Amino acid sequence: MNPAPEHWWFVLTGVFFGLFILLLIILIVVALQLVATIKQVGTQLNNLGERVDKISTRVEELLVNVKSTTHALGTRADNIGQSFEIVSSAFANRAQTVASVLTGIMLIKNFLGNRRNRR
């Protein structure tokens, strides 16, 4: 026959069983808290995703606005450049005419001055 287990063995087994139950309850509580935290993080990530979508939409709108503004400014700059070219060409033609007239006046002045000196 088998001898009966000692009393201390029952006590030790009861203590370990109690500790196991306590540990199991603690693990369940921690797991529930972890699930709640994960749900909160998931909600925050969804909100963050929505905000990123709004920001990217605004950036795209800004990019379109910058493109149109750049195109408009480029067109205006081309028009200003063409106008400047026309004005500078007209000014160069006038300056050439004035230079020719002044050269003619100087030649006449020198010619008349030389003629007076000969007399």
PDB file of N, CA and C in Angstrom:
ATOM      1  N   MET A   1       0.802  -1.180   0.000  1.00  0.00           N
ATOM      2  CA  MET A   1       0.000   0.000   0.000  1.00  0.00           C
ATOM      3  C   MET A   1       0.853   1.256   0.000  1.00  0.00           C
ATOM      4  N   ASN A   2       0.228   2.287  -0.528  1.00  0.00           N
ATOM      5  CA  ASN A   2       0.906   3.585  -0.576  1.00  0.00           C
ATOM      6  C   ASN A   2       0.689   4.343   0.716  1.00  0.00           C
ATOM      7  N   PRO A   3       1.754   4.915   1.200  1.00  0.00           N
ATOM      8  CA  PRO A   3       1.569   5.699   2.422  1.00  0.00           C
ATOM      9  C   PRO A   3       0.810   6.989   2.112  1.00  0.00           C
ATOM     10  N   ALA A   4       0.106   7.530   3.062  1.00  0.00           N
ATOM     11  CA  ALA A   4      -0.671   8.772   2.879  1.00  0.00           C
ATOM     12  C   ALA A   4       0.290   9.946   2.790  1.00  0.00           C
ATOM     13  N   PRO A   5      -0.027  10.926   1.893  1.00  0.00           N
ATOM     14  CA  PRO A   5       0.853  12.100   1.777  1.00  0.00           C
ATOM     15  C   PRO A   5       0.870  12.897   3.065  1.00  0.00           C
ATOM     16  N   GLU A   6       1.937  13.562   3.271  1.00  0.00           N
ATOM     17  CA  GLU A   6       2.128  14.343   4.483  1.00  0.00           C
ATOM     18  C   GLU A   6       1.253  15.600   4.429  1.00  0.00           C
ATOM     19  N   HIS A   7       1.020  16.180   5.565  1.00  0.00           N
ATOM     20  CA  HIS A   7       0.184  17.368   5.681  1.00  0.00           C
ATOM     21  C   HIS A   7       0.842  18.579   5.009  1.00  0.00           C
ATOM     22  N   TRP A   8       2.150  18.717   5.179  1.00  0.00           N
ATOM     23  CA  TRP A   8       2.849  19.860   4.574  1.00  0.00           C
ATOM     24  C   TRP A   8       2.737  19.850   3.057  1.00  0.00           C
ATOM     25  N   TRP A   9       2.615  18.637   2.469  1.00  0.00           N
ATOM     26  CA  TRP A   9       2.466  18.542   1.018  1.00  0.00           C
ATOM     27  C   TRP A   9       1.139  19.137   0.574  1.00  0.00           C
ATOM     28  N   PHE A  10       0.084  18.921   1.299  1.00  0.00           N
ATOM     29  CA  PHE A  10      -1.216  19.510   0.986  1.00  0.00           C
ATOM     30  C   PHE A  10      -1.171  21.024   1.130  1.00  0.00           C
ATOM     31  N   VAL A  11      -0.492  21.489   2.162  1.00  0.00           N
ATOM     32  CA  VAL A  11      -0.374  22.939   2.382  1.00  0.00           C
ATOM     33  C   VAL A  11       0.428  23.574   1.253  1.00  0.00           C
ATOM     34  N   LEU A  12       1.551  22.976   0.891  1.00  0.00           N
ATOM     35  CA  LEU A  12       2.395  23.510  -0.175  1.00  0.00           C
ATOM     36  C   LEU A  12       1.643  23.509  -1.506  1.00  0.00           C
ATOM     37  N   THR A  13       0.929  22.450  -1.791  1.00  0.00           N
ATOM     38  CA  THR A  13       0.139  22.371  -3.016  1.00  0.00           C
ATOM     39  C   THR A  13      -0.942  23.440  -3.017  1.00  0.00           C
ATOM     40  N   GLY A  14      -1.602  23.648  -1.889  1.00  0.00           N
ATOM     41  CA  GLY A  14      -2.646  24.681  -1.772  1.00  0.00           C
ATOM     42  C   GLY A  14      -2.074  26.081  -1.993  1.00  0.00           C
ATOM     43  N   VAL A  15      -0.872  26.329  -1.453  1.00  0.00           N
ATOM     44  CA  VAL A  15      -0.234  27.643  -1.614  1.00  0.00           C
ATOM     45  C   VAL A  15       0.107  27.881  -3.086  1.00  0.00           C
ATOM     46  N   PHE A  16       0.704  26.886  -3.744  1.00  0.00           N
ATOM     47  CA  PHE A  16       1.037  27.036  -5.160  1.00  0.00           C
ATOM     48  C   PHE A  16      -0.214  27.192  -6.027  1.00  0.00           C
ATOM     49  N   PHE A  17      -1.273  26.467  -5.670  1.00  0.00           N
ATOM     50  CA  PHE A  17      -2.519  26.598  -6.402  1.00  0.00           C
ATOM     51  C   PHE A  17      -3.083  28.009  -6.227  1.00  0.00           C
ATOM     52  N   GLY A  18      -3.030  28.529  -5.022  1.00  0.00           N
ATOM     53  CA  GLY A  18      -3.504  29.895  -4.747  1.00  0.00           C
ATOM     54  C   GLY A  18      -2.680  30.928  -5.515  1.00  0.00           C
ATOM     55  N   LEU A  19      -1.353  30.754  -5.504  1.00  0.00           N
ATOM     56  CA  LEU A  19      -0.489  31.672  -6.252  1.00  0.00           C
ATOM     57  C   LEU A  19      -0.771  31.600  -7.755  1.00  0.00           C
ATOM     58  N   PHE A  20      -1.023  30.389  -8.271  1.00  0.00           N
ATOM     59  CA  PHE A  20      -1.343  30.222  -9.680  1.00  0.00           C
ATOM     60  C   PHE A  20      -2.640  30.950 -10.026  1.00  0.00           C
ATOM     61  N   ILE A  21      -3.655  30.803  -9.198  1.00  0.00           N
ATOM     62  CA  ILE A  21      -4.940  31.477  -9.428  1.00  0.00           C
ATOM     63  C   ILE A  21      -4.741  32.996  -9.384  1.00  0.00           C
ATOM     64  N   LEU A  22      -3.971  33.493  -8.408  1.00  0.00           N
ATOM     65  CA  LEU A  22      -3.700  34.923  -8.293  1.00  0.00           C
ATOM     66  C   LEU A  22      -2.950  35.436  -9.532  1.00  0.00           C
ATOM     67  N   LEU A  23      -1.944  34.686  -9.964  1.00  0.00           N
ATOM     68  CA  LEU A  23      -1.188  35.055 -11.156  1.00  0.00           C
ATOM     69  C   LEU A  23      -2.079  35.054 -12.397  1.00  0.00           C
ATOM     70  N   LEU A  24      -2.962  34.093 -12.507  1.00  0.00           N
ATOM     71  CA  LEU A  24      -3.873  34.000 -13.634  1.00  0.00           C
ATOM     72  C   LEU A  24      -4.812  35.214 -13.659  1.00  0.00           C
ATOM     73  N   ILE A  25      -5.310  35.616 -12.510  1.00  0.00           N
ATOM     74  CA  ILE A  25      -6.190  36.802 -12.428  1.00  0.00           C
ATOM     75  C   ILE A  25      -5.420  38.063 -12.830  1.00  0.00           C
ATOM     76  N   ILE A  26      -4.179  38.181 -12.354  1.00  0.00           N
ATOM     77  CA  ILE A  26      -3.351  39.335 -12.716  1.00  0.00           C
ATOM     78  C   ILE A  26      -3.105  39.361 -14.222  1.00  0.00           C
ATOM     79  N   LEU A  27      -2.812  38.218 -14.815  1.00  0.00           N
ATOM     80  CA  LEU A  27      -2.579  38.147 -16.256  1.00  0.00           C
ATOM     81  C   LEU A  27      -3.838  38.508 -17.046  1.00  0.00           C
ATOM     82  N   ILE A  28      -4.997  38.083 -16.574  1.00  0.00           N
ATOM     83  CA  ILE A  28      -6.252  38.438 -17.246  1.00  0.00           C
ATOM     84  C   ILE A  28      -6.484  39.944 -17.184  1.00  0.00           C
ATOM     85  N   VAL A  29      -6.241  40.552 -16.018  1.00  0.00           N
ATOM     86  CA  VAL A  29      -6.412  42.005 -15.863  1.00  0.00           C
ATOM     87  C   VAL A  29      -5.437  42.752 -16.779  1.00  0.00           C
ATOM     88  N   VAL A  30      -4.200  42.323 -16.820  1.00  0.00           N
ATOM     89  CA  VAL A  30      -3.198  42.969 -17.679  1.00  0.00           C
ATOM     90  C   VAL A  30      -3.584  42.812 -19.143  1.00  0.00           C
ATOM     91  N   ALA A  31      -4.072  41.636 -19.525  1.00  0.00           N
ATOM     92  CA  ALA A  31      -4.485  41.406 -20.910  1.00  0.00           C
ATOM     93  C   ALA A  31      -5.657  42.320 -21.280  1.00  0.00           C
ATOM     94  N   LEU A  32      -6.609  42.491 -20.369  1.00  0.00           N
ATOM     95  CA  LEU A  32      -7.747  43.386 -20.643  1.00  0.00           C
ATOM     96  C   LEU A  32      -7.284  44.842 -20.771  1.00  0.00           C
ATOM     97  N   GLN A  33      -6.371  45.251 -19.912  1.00  0.00           N
ATOM     98  CA  GLN A  33      -5.836  46.611 -20.012  1.00  0.00           C
ATOM     99  C   GLN A  33      -5.071  46.798 -21.323  1.00  0.00           C
ATOM    100  N   LEU A  34      -4.342  45.790 -21.732  1.00  0.00           N
ATOM    101  CA  LEU A  34      -3.600  45.848 -22.987  1.00  0.00           C
ATOM    102  C   LEU A  34      -4.551  45.959 -24.177  1.00  0.00           C
ATOM    103  N   VAL A  35      -5.648  45.216 -24.145  1.00  0.00           N
ATOM    104  CA  VAL A  35      -6.643  45.295 -25.217  1.00  0.00           C
ATOM    105  C   VAL A  35      -7.246  46.697 -25.261  1.00  0.00           C
ATOM    106  N   ALA A  36      -7.572  47.271 -24.099  1.00  0.00           N
ATOM    107  CA  ALA A  36      -8.136  48.630 -24.061  1.00  0.00           C
ATOM    108  C   ALA A  36      -7.129  49.644 -24.608  1.00  0.00           C
ATOM    109  N   THR A  37      -5.873  49.496 -24.245  1.00  0.00           N
ATOM    110  CA  THR A  37      -4.833  50.406 -24.733  1.00  0.00           C
ATOM    111  C   THR A  37      -4.669  50.275 -26.242  1.00  0.00           C
ATOM    112  N   ILE A  38      -4.714  49.061 -26.756  1.00  0.00           N
ATOM    113  CA  ILE A  38      -4.586  48.844 -28.197  1.00  0.00           C
ATOM    114  C   ILE A  38      -5.762  49.484 -28.926  1.00  0.00           C
ATOM    115  N   LYS A  39      -6.966  49.395 -28.362  1.00  0.00           N
ATOM    116  CA  LYS A  39      -8.132  50.047 -28.978  1.00  0.00           C
ATOM    117  C   LYS A  39      -7.942  51.561 -29.019  1.00  0.00           C
ATOM    118  N   GLN A  40      -7.433  52.142 -27.937  1.00  0.00           N
ATOM    119  CA  GLN A  40      -7.184  53.584 -27.911  1.00  0.00           C
ATOM    120  C   GLN A  40      -6.153  53.973 -28.962  1.00  0.00           C
ATOM    121  N   VAL A  41      -5.088  53.222 -29.060  1.00  0.00           N
ATOM    122  CA  VAL A  41      -4.044  53.505 -30.053  1.00  0.00           C
ATOM    123  C   VAL A  41      -4.614  53.380 -31.460  1.00  0.00           C
ATOM    124  N   GLY A  42      -5.454  52.375 -31.675  1.00  0.00           N
ATOM    125  CA  GLY A  42      -6.089  52.195 -32.983  1.00  0.00           C
ATOM    126  C   GLY A  42      -6.953  53.392 -33.351  1.00  0.00           C
ATOM    127  N   THR A  43      -7.720  53.898 -32.385  1.00  0.00           N
ATOM    128  CA  THR A  43      -8.554  55.080 -32.622  1.00  0.00           C
ATOM    129  C   THR A  43      -7.683  56.290 -32.921  1.00  0.00           C
ATOM    130  N   GLN A  44      -6.624  56.460 -32.165  1.00  0.00           N
ATOM    131  CA  GLN A  44      -5.723  57.585 -32.402  1.00  0.00           C
ATOM    132  C   GLN A  44      -5.047  57.465 -33.760  1.00  0.00           C
ATOM    133  N   LEU A  45      -4.686  56.260 -34.160  1.00  0.00           N
ATOM    134  CA  LEU A  45      -4.083  56.069 -35.478  1.00  0.00           C
ATOM    135  C   LEU A  45      -5.083  56.395 -36.592  1.00  0.00           C
ATOM    136  N   ASN A  46      -6.344  56.020 -36.405  1.00  0.00           N
ATOM    137  CA  ASN A  46      -7.364  56.368 -37.393  1.00  0.00           C
ATOM    138  C   ASN A  46      -7.520  57.882 -37.498  1.00  0.00           C
ATOM    139  N   ASN A  47      -7.549  58.563 -36.348  1.00  0.00           N
ATOM    140  CA  ASN A  47      -7.652  60.023 -36.354  1.00  0.00           C
ATOM    141  C   ASN A  47      -6.439  60.651 -37.027  1.00  0.00           C
ATOM    142  N   LEU A  48      -5.281  60.104 -36.734  1.00  0.00           N
ATOM    143  CA  LEU A  48      -4.054  60.605 -37.347  1.00  0.00           C
ATOM    144  C   LEU A  48      -4.076  60.385 -38.854  1.00  0.00           C
ATOM    145  N   GLY A  49      -4.575  59.248 -39.288  1.00  0.00           N
ATOM    146  CA  GLY A  49      -4.701  58.973 -40.719  1.00  0.00           C
ATOM    147  C   GLY A  49      -5.620  59.972 -41.408  1.00  0.00           C
ATOM    148  N   GLU A  50      -6.725  60.309 -40.760  1.00  0.00           N
ATOM    149  CA  GLU A  50      -7.646  61.301 -41.319  1.00  0.00           C
ATOM    150  C   GLU A  50      -6.967  62.658 -41.423  1.00  0.00           C
ATOM    151  N   ARG A  51      -6.226  63.031 -40.399  1.00  0.00           N
ATOM    152  CA  ARG A  51      -5.530  64.313 -40.426  1.00  0.00           C
ATOM    153  C   ARG A  51      -4.480  64.348 -41.532  1.00  0.00           C
ATOM    154  N   VAL A  52      -3.771  63.236 -41.713  1.00  0.00           N
ATOM    155  CA  VAL A  52      -2.767  63.169 -42.783  1.00  0.00           C
ATOM    156  C   VAL A  52      -3.441  63.289 -44.140  1.00  0.00           C
ATOM    157  N   ASP A  53      -4.604  62.666 -44.299  1.00  0.00           N
ATOM    158  CA  ASP A  53      -5.344  62.791 -45.562  1.00  0.00           C
ATOM    159  C   ASP A  53      -5.745  64.235 -45.817  1.00  0.00           C
ATOM    160  N   LYS A  54      -6.233  64.924 -44.786  1.00  0.00           N
ATOM    161  CA  LYS A  54      -6.616  66.338 -44.937  1.00  0.00           C
ATOM    162  C   LYS A  54      -5.398  67.183 -45.300  1.00  0.00           C
ATOM    163  N   ILE A  55      -4.280  66.933 -44.637  1.00  0.00           N
ATOM    164  CA  ILE A  55      -3.066  67.709 -44.908  1.00  0.00           C
ATOM    165  C   ILE A  55      -2.578  67.444 -46.322  1.00  0.00           C
ATOM    166  N   SER A  56      -2.606  66.187 -46.752  1.00  0.00           N
ATOM    167  CA  SER A  56      -2.145  65.885 -48.113  1.00  0.00           C
ATOM    168  C   SER A  56      -3.060  66.524 -49.147  1.00  0.00           C
ATOM    169  N   THR A  57      -4.366  66.583 -48.862  1.00  0.00           N
ATOM    170  CA  THR A  57      -5.295  67.266 -49.772  1.00  0.00           C
ATOM    171  C   THR A  57      -4.963  68.746 -49.842  1.00  0.00           C
ATOM    172  N   ARG A  58      -4.685  69.357 -48.701  1.00  0.00           N
ATOM    173  CA  ARG A  58      -4.325  70.779 -48.691  1.00  0.00           C
ATOM    174  C   ARG A  58      -3.011  71.020 -49.429  1.00  0.00           C
ATOM    175  N   VAL A  59      -2.061  70.116 -49.253  1.00  0.00           N
ATOM    176  CA  VAL A  59      -0.776  70.258 -49.948  1.00  0.00           C
ATOM    177  C   VAL A  59      -0.978  70.155 -51.458  1.00  0.00           C
ATOM    178  N   GLU A  60      -1.828  69.224 -51.887  1.00  0.00           N
ATOM    179  CA  GLU A  60      -2.107  69.098 -53.317  1.00  0.00           C
ATOM    180  C   GLU A  60      -2.774  70.357 -53.855  1.00  0.00           C
ATOM    181  N   GLU A  61      -3.731  70.918 -53.094  1.00  0.00           N
ATOM    182  CA  GLU A  61      -4.377  72.161 -53.514  1.00  0.00           C
ATOM    183  C   GLU A  61      -3.358  73.297 -53.593  1.00  0.00           C
ATOM    184  N   LEU A  62      -2.474  73.357 -52.616  1.00  0.00           N
ATOM    185  CA  LEU A  62      -1.431  74.382 -52.612  1.00  0.00           C
ATOM    186  C   LEU A  62      -0.503  74.207 -53.809  1.00  0.00           C
ATOM    187  N   LEU A  63      -0.173  72.971 -54.138  1.00  0.00           N
ATOM    188  CA  LEU A  63       0.686  72.694 -55.287  1.00  0.00           C
ATOM    189  C   LEU A  63       0.028  73.162 -56.578  1.00  0.00           C
ATOM    190  N   VAL A  64      -1.269  72.901 -56.718  1.00  0.00           N
ATOM    191  CA  VAL A  64      -1.994  73.366 -57.904  1.00  0.00           C
ATOM    192  C   VAL A  64      -1.991  74.886 -57.952  1.00  0.00           C
ATOM    193  N   ASN A  65      -2.198  75.524 -56.809  1.00  0.00           N
ATOM    194  CA  ASN A  65      -2.198  76.989 -56.736  1.00  0.00           C
ATOM    195  C   ASN A  65      -0.827  77.547 -57.107  1.00  0.00           C
ATOM    196  N   VAL A  66       0.230  76.921 -56.603  1.00  0.00           N
ATOM    197  CA  VAL A  66       1.589  77.377 -56.907  1.00  0.00           C
ATOM    198  C   VAL A  66       1.881  77.207 -58.394  1.00  0.00           C
ATOM    199  N   LYS A  67       1.432  76.091 -58.971  1.00  0.00           N
ATOM    200  CA  LYS A  67       1.646  75.870 -60.404  1.00  0.00           C
ATOM    201  C   LYS A  67       0.955  76.946 -61.223  1.00  0.00           C
ATOM    202  N   SER A  68      -0.298  77.240 -60.888  1.00  0.00           N
ATOM    203  CA  SER A  68      -1.028  78.253 -61.663  1.00  0.00           C
ATOM    204  C   SER A  68      -0.411  79.630 -61.479  1.00  0.00           C
ATOM    205  N   THR A  69       0.019  79.934 -60.255  1.00  0.00           N
ATOM    206  CA  THR A  69       0.661  81.225 -60.001  1.00  0.00           C
ATOM    207  C   THR A  69       1.985  81.318 -60.752  1.00  0.00           C
ATOM    208  N   THR A  70       2.742  80.249 -60.730  1.00  0.00           N
ATOM    209  CA  THR A  70       4.018  80.232 -61.444  1.00  0.00           C
ATOM    210  C   THR A  70       3.805  80.397 -62.941  1.00  0.00           C
ATOM    211  N   HIS A  71       2.794  79.725 -63.462  1.00  0.00           N
ATOM    212  CA  HIS A  71       2.497  79.852 -64.887  1.00  0.00           C
ATOM    213  C   HIS A  71       2.093  81.288 -65.211  1.00  0.00           C
ATOM    214  N   ALA A  72       1.240  81.880 -64.360  1.00  0.00           N
ATOM    215  CA  ALA A  72       0.801  83.256 -64.597  1.00  0.00           C
ATOM    216  C   ALA A  72       1.985  84.218 -64.520  1.00  0.00           C
ATOM    217  N   LEU A  73       2.842  84.024 -63.516  1.00  0.00           N
ATOM    218  CA  LEU A  73       4.013  84.891 -63.384  1.00  0.00           C
ATOM    219  C   LEU A  73       4.975  84.705 -64.544  1.00  0.00           C
ATOM    220  N   GLY A  74       5.124  83.463 -65.005  1.00  0.00           N
ATOM    221  CA  GLY A  74       5.993  83.205 -66.145  1.00  0.00           C
ATOM    222  C   GLY A  74       5.478  83.896 -67.394  1.00  0.00           C
ATOM    223  N   THR A  75       4.168  83.849 -67.587  1.00  0.00           N
ATOM    224  CA  THR A  75       3.561  84.519 -68.737  1.00  0.00           C
ATOM    225  C   THR A  75       3.756  86.020 -68.630  1.00  0.00           C
ATOM    226  N   ARG A  76       3.543  86.554 -67.439  1.00  0.00           N
ATOM    227  CA  ARG A  76       3.740  88.005 -67.250  1.00  0.00           C
ATOM    228  C   ARG A  76       5.201  88.382 -67.458  1.00  0.00           C
ATOM    229  N   ALA A  77       6.101  87.546 -66.957  1.00  0.00           N
ATOM    230  CA  ALA A  77       7.526  87.835 -67.135  1.00  0.00           C
ATOM    231  C   ALA A  77       7.892  87.810 -68.615  1.00  0.00           C
ATOM    232  N   ASP A  78       7.320  86.862 -69.362  1.00  0.00           N
ATOM    233  CA  ASP A  78       7.561  86.827 -70.804  1.00  0.00           C
ATOM    234  C   ASP A  78       7.042  88.099 -71.468  1.00  0.00           C
ATOM    235  N   ASN A  79       5.844  88.525 -71.062  1.00  0.00           N
ATOM    236  CA  ASN A  79       5.269  89.750 -71.630  1.00  0.00           C
ATOM    237  C   ASN A  79       6.120  90.968 -71.283  1.00  0.00           C
ATOM    238  N   ILE A  80       6.586  91.020 -70.043  1.00  0.00           N
ATOM    239  CA  ILE A  80       7.439  92.145 -69.630  1.00  0.00           C
ATOM    240  C   ILE A  80       8.747  92.110 -70.408  1.00  0.00           C
ATOM    241  N   GLY A  81       9.308  90.919 -70.585  1.00  0.00           N
ATOM    242  CA  GLY A  81      10.544  90.788 -71.354  1.00  0.00           C
ATOM    243  C   GLY A  81      10.359  91.233 -72.797  1.00  0.00           C
ATOM    244  N   GLN A  82       9.249  90.845 -73.393  1.00  0.00           N
ATOM    245  CA  GLN A  82       8.976  91.264 -74.768  1.00  0.00           C
ATOM    246  C   GLN A  82       8.776  92.774 -74.840  1.00  0.00           C
ATOM    247  N   SER A  83       8.041  93.337 -73.883  1.00  0.00           N
ATOM    248  CA  SER A  83       7.842  94.789 -73.863  1.00  0.00           C
ATOM    249  C   SER A  83       9.168  95.507 -73.691  1.00  0.00           C
ATOM    250  N   PHE A  84      10.012  95.006 -72.799  1.00  0.00           N
ATOM    251  CA  PHE A  84      11.317  95.614 -72.580  1.00  0.00           C
ATOM    252  C   PHE A  84      12.159  95.542 -73.846  1.00  0.00           C
ATOM    253  N   GLU A  85      12.087  94.427 -74.533  1.00  0.00           N
ATOM    254  CA  GLU A  85      12.836  94.271 -75.779  1.00  0.00           C
ATOM    255  C   GLU A  85      12.356  95.277 -76.825  1.00  0.00           C
ATOM    256  N   ILE A  86      11.053  95.468 -76.921  1.00  0.00           N
ATOM    257  CA  ILE A  86      10.504  96.434 -77.879  1.00  0.00           C
ATOM    258  C   ILE A  86      10.938  97.853 -77.518  1.00  0.00           C
ATOM    259  N   VAL A  87      10.839  98.193 -76.217  1.00  0.00           N
ATOM    260  CA  VAL A  87      11.227  99.534 -75.771  1.00  0.00           C
ATOM    261  C   VAL A  87      12.718  99.760 -75.979  1.00  0.00           C
ATOM    262  N   SER A  88      13.519  98.766 -75.653  1.00  0.00           N
ATOM    263  CA  SER A  88      14.970  98.940 -75.809  1.00  0.00           C
ATOM    264  C   SER A  88      15.351  99.028 -77.283  1.00  0.00           C
ATOM    265  N   SER A  89      14.665  98.298 -78.125  1.00  0.00           N
ATOM    266  CA  SER A  89      14.925  98.387 -79.558  1.00  0.00           C
ATOM    267  C   SER A  89      14.562  99.776 -80.078  1.00  0.00           C
ATOM    268  N   ALA A  90      13.411 100.283 -79.650  1.00  0.00           N
ATOM    269  CA  ALA A  90      13.000 101.634 -80.066  1.00  0.00           C
ATOM    270  C   ALA A  90      13.984 102.667 -79.527  1.00  0.00           C
ATOM    271  N   PHE A  91      14.425 102.491 -78.280  1.00  0.00           N
ATOM    272  CA  PHE A  91      15.379 103.435 -77.698  1.00  0.00           C
ATOM    273  C   PHE A  91      16.713 103.388 -78.446  1.00  0.00           C
ATOM    274  N   ALA A  92      17.141 102.178 -78.824  1.00  0.00           N
ATOM    275  CA  ALA A  92      18.401 102.043 -79.568  1.00  0.00           C
ATOM    276  C   ALA A  92      18.282 102.728 -80.930  1.00  0.00           C
ATOM    277  N   ASN A  93      17.135 102.569 -81.568  1.00  0.00           N
ATOM    278  CA  ASN A  93      16.937 103.247 -82.861  1.00  0.00           C
ATOM    279  C   ASN A  93      16.971 104.763 -82.690  1.00  0.00           C
ATOM    280  N   ARG A  94      16.321 105.278 -81.657  1.00  0.00           N
ATOM    281  CA  ARG A  94      16.321 106.723 -81.390  1.00  0.00           C
ATOM    282  C   ARG A  94      17.738 107.198 -81.058  1.00  0.00           C
ATOM    283  N   ALA A  95      18.432 106.396 -80.225  1.00  0.00           N
ATOM    284  CA  ALA A  95      19.797 106.784 -79.849  1.00  0.00           C
ATOM    285  C   ALA A  95      20.704 106.793 -81.073  1.00  0.00           C
ATOM    286  N   GLN A  96      20.496 105.851 -81.972  1.00  0.00           N
ATOM    287  CA  GLN A  96      21.300 105.815 -83.201  1.00  0.00           C
ATOM    288  C   GLN A  96      21.005 107.050 -84.053  1.00  0.00           C
ATOM    289  N   THR A  97      19.731 107.425 -84.120  1.00  0.00           N
ATOM    290  CA  THR A  97      19.359 108.620 -84.880  1.00  0.00           C
ATOM    291  C   THR A  97      19.967 109.855 -84.246  1.00  0.00           C
ATOM    292  N   VAL A  98      19.864 109.983 -82.925  1.00  0.00           N
ATOM    293  CA  VAL A  98      20.420 111.151 -82.218  1.00  0.00           C
ATOM    294  C   VAL A  98      21.936 111.177 -82.383  1.00  0.00           C
ATOM    295  N   ALA A  99      22.586 110.016 -82.321  1.00  0.00           N
ATOM    296  CA  ALA A  99      24.033 109.959 -82.495  1.00  0.00           C
ATOM    297  C   ALA A  99      24.430 110.402 -83.900  1.00  0.00           C
ATOM    298  N   SER A 100      23.650 109.998 -84.877  1.00  0.00           N
ATOM    299  CA  SER A 100      23.936 110.423 -86.255  1.00  0.00           C
ATOM    300  C   SER A 100      23.776 111.932 -86.399  1.00  0.00           C
ATOM    301  N   VAL A 101      22.725 112.492 -85.805  1.00  0.00           N
ATOM    302  CA  VAL A 101      22.495 113.938 -85.877  1.00  0.00           C
ATOM    303  C   VAL A 101      23.619 114.686 -85.171  1.00  0.00           C
ATOM    304  N   LEU A 102      24.007 114.210 -83.974  1.00  0.00           N
ATOM    305  CA  LEU A 102      25.080 114.873 -83.229  1.00  0.00           C
ATOM    306  C   LEU A 102      26.405 114.776 -83.977  1.00  0.00           C
ATOM    307  N   THR A 103      26.637 113.633 -84.594  1.00  0.00           N
ATOM    308  CA  THR A 103      27.859 113.484 -85.394  1.00  0.00           C
ATOM    309  C   THR A 103      27.842 114.465 -86.562  1.00  0.00           C
ATOM    310  N   GLY A 104      26.687 114.601 -87.207  1.00  0.00           N
ATOM    311  CA  GLY A 104      26.564 115.555 -88.312  1.00  0.00           C
ATOM    312  C   GLY A 104      26.790 116.980 -87.851  1.00  0.00           C
ATOM    313  N   ILE A 105      26.236 117.333 -86.695  1.00  0.00           N
ATOM    314  CA  ILE A 105      26.412 118.683 -86.152  1.00  0.00           C
ATOM    315  C   ILE A 105      27.873 118.940 -85.844  1.00  0.00           C
ATOM    316  N   MET A 106      28.557 117.950 -85.244  1.00  0.00           N
ATOM    317  CA  MET A 106      29.977 118.108 -84.921  1.00  0.00           C
ATOM    318  C   MET A 106      30.811 118.268 -86.199  1.00  0.00           C
ATOM    319  N   LEU A 107      30.467 117.498 -87.221  1.00  0.00           N
ATOM    320  CA  LEU A 107      31.197 117.611 -88.484  1.00  0.00           C
ATOM    321  C   LEU A 107      31.008 118.994 -89.107  1.00  0.00           C
ATOM    322  N   ILE A 108      29.762 119.466 -89.073  1.00  0.00           N
ATOM    323  CA  ILE A 108      29.483 120.800 -89.623  1.00  0.00           C
ATOM    324  C   ILE A 108      30.208 121.855 -88.805  1.00  0.00           C
ATOM    325  N   LYS A 109      30.200 121.727 -87.488  1.00  0.00           N
ATOM    326  CA  LYS A 109      30.871 122.677 -86.610  1.00  0.00           C
ATOM    327  C   LYS A 109      32.375 122.694 -86.894  1.00  0.00           C
ATOM    328  N   ASN A 110      32.982 121.488 -87.005  1.00  0.00           N
ATOM    329  CA  ASN A 110      34.416 121.405 -87.318  1.00  0.00           C
ATOM    330  C   ASN A 110      34.711 121.982 -88.709  1.00  0.00           C
ATOM    331  N   PHE A 111      33.829 121.683 -89.644  1.00  0.00           N
ATOM    332  CA  PHE A 111      34.027 122.187 -90.997  1.00  0.00           C
ATOM    333  C   PHE A 111      33.957 123.717 -91.020  1.00  0.00           C
ATOM    334  N   LEU A 112      32.955 124.267 -90.320  1.00  0.00           N
ATOM    335  CA  LEU A 112      32.821 125.724 -90.275  1.00  0.00           C
ATOM    336  C   LEU A 112      33.966 126.354 -89.487  1.00  0.00           C
ATOM    337  N   GLY A 113      34.401 125.688 -88.418  1.00  0.00           N
ATOM    338  CA  GLY A 113      35.511 126.193 -87.627  1.00  0.00           C
ATOM    339  C   GLY A 113      36.803 126.195 -88.452  1.00  0.00           C
ATOM    340  N   ASN A 114      37.043 125.166 -89.212  1.00  0.00           N
ATOM    341  CA  ASN A 114      38.238 125.094 -90.070  1.00  0.00           C
ATOM    342  C   ASN A 114      38.165 126.145 -91.185  1.00  0.00           C
ATOM    343  N   ARG A 115      36.999 126.389 -91.673  1.00  0.00           N
ATOM    344  CA  ARG A 115      36.821 127.366 -92.732  1.00  0.00           C
ATOM    345  C   ARG A 115      37.063 128.765 -92.215  1.00  0.00           C
ATOM    346  N   ARG A 116      36.647 129.090 -91.021  1.00  0.00           N
ATOM    347  CA  ARG A 116      36.869 130.400 -90.437  1.00  0.00           C
ATOM    348  C   ARG A 116      38.344 130.602 -90.156  1.00  0.00           C
ATOM    349  N   ASN A 117      39.018 129.525 -89.730  1.00  0.00           N
ATOM    350  CA  ASN A 117      40.439 129.631 -89.420  1.00  0.00           C
ATOM    351  C   ASN A 117      41.254 129.864 -90.706  1.00  0.00           C
ATOM    352  N   ARG A 118      40.820 129.444 -91.843  1.00  0.00           N
ATOM    353  CA  ARG A 118      41.524 129.637 -93.089  1.00  0.00           C
ATOM    354  C   ARG A 118      41.371 131.060 -93.568  1.00  0.00           C
ATOM    355  N   ARG A 119      40.360 131.742 -93.217  1.00  0.00           N
ATOM    356  CA  ARG A 119      40.148 133.107 -93.672  1.00  0.00           C
ATOM    357  C   ARG A 119      40.953 134.038 -92.905  1.00  0.00           C
TER     358      ARG A 119
END
